[in-house]
Amino acid sequence: MGPGAAGSLGQGAATVADTGAADESGGPEDLEQAAAVFAGVRPRLFGIAYRMLGSVTEAEDLVQDVWLRWQTADRATVSNPAAFLATATTRLAINAGQSARVRRET
């Protein structure tokens, strides 16, 4: 995806918000836009997860969990999708790291 594609996504999101046409249930177009946004930041999310967890497999699993959360999130209320996704990744990685530490201690 090139830089032009990311710019057009932002314009499309503003148009939907301005017209109030956002569908609560999320139509196919909404899911396609969510997938495009996610695909654009996926390498960054993977990098965050990998640096925090130290395992490629765990990082990929965590990024998949973030995708599932992104699909069900109320994306109309998210003003900065990249920040939302990075925050979700960081928080899930912290939780996974703490959970792994507790499992090792018991």
Foldseek 3Di string as FASTA:
>chain_A
DDPVVVVVLVVVLVVCLVVVVDDQVADPVRLVSLVVVLVVCVVVLLVLLCVLQVDNVRSVVLSVVLSVVSVNDRCNPDPDVNVVSNVSSNVVSVVVVVVVVVVVVD
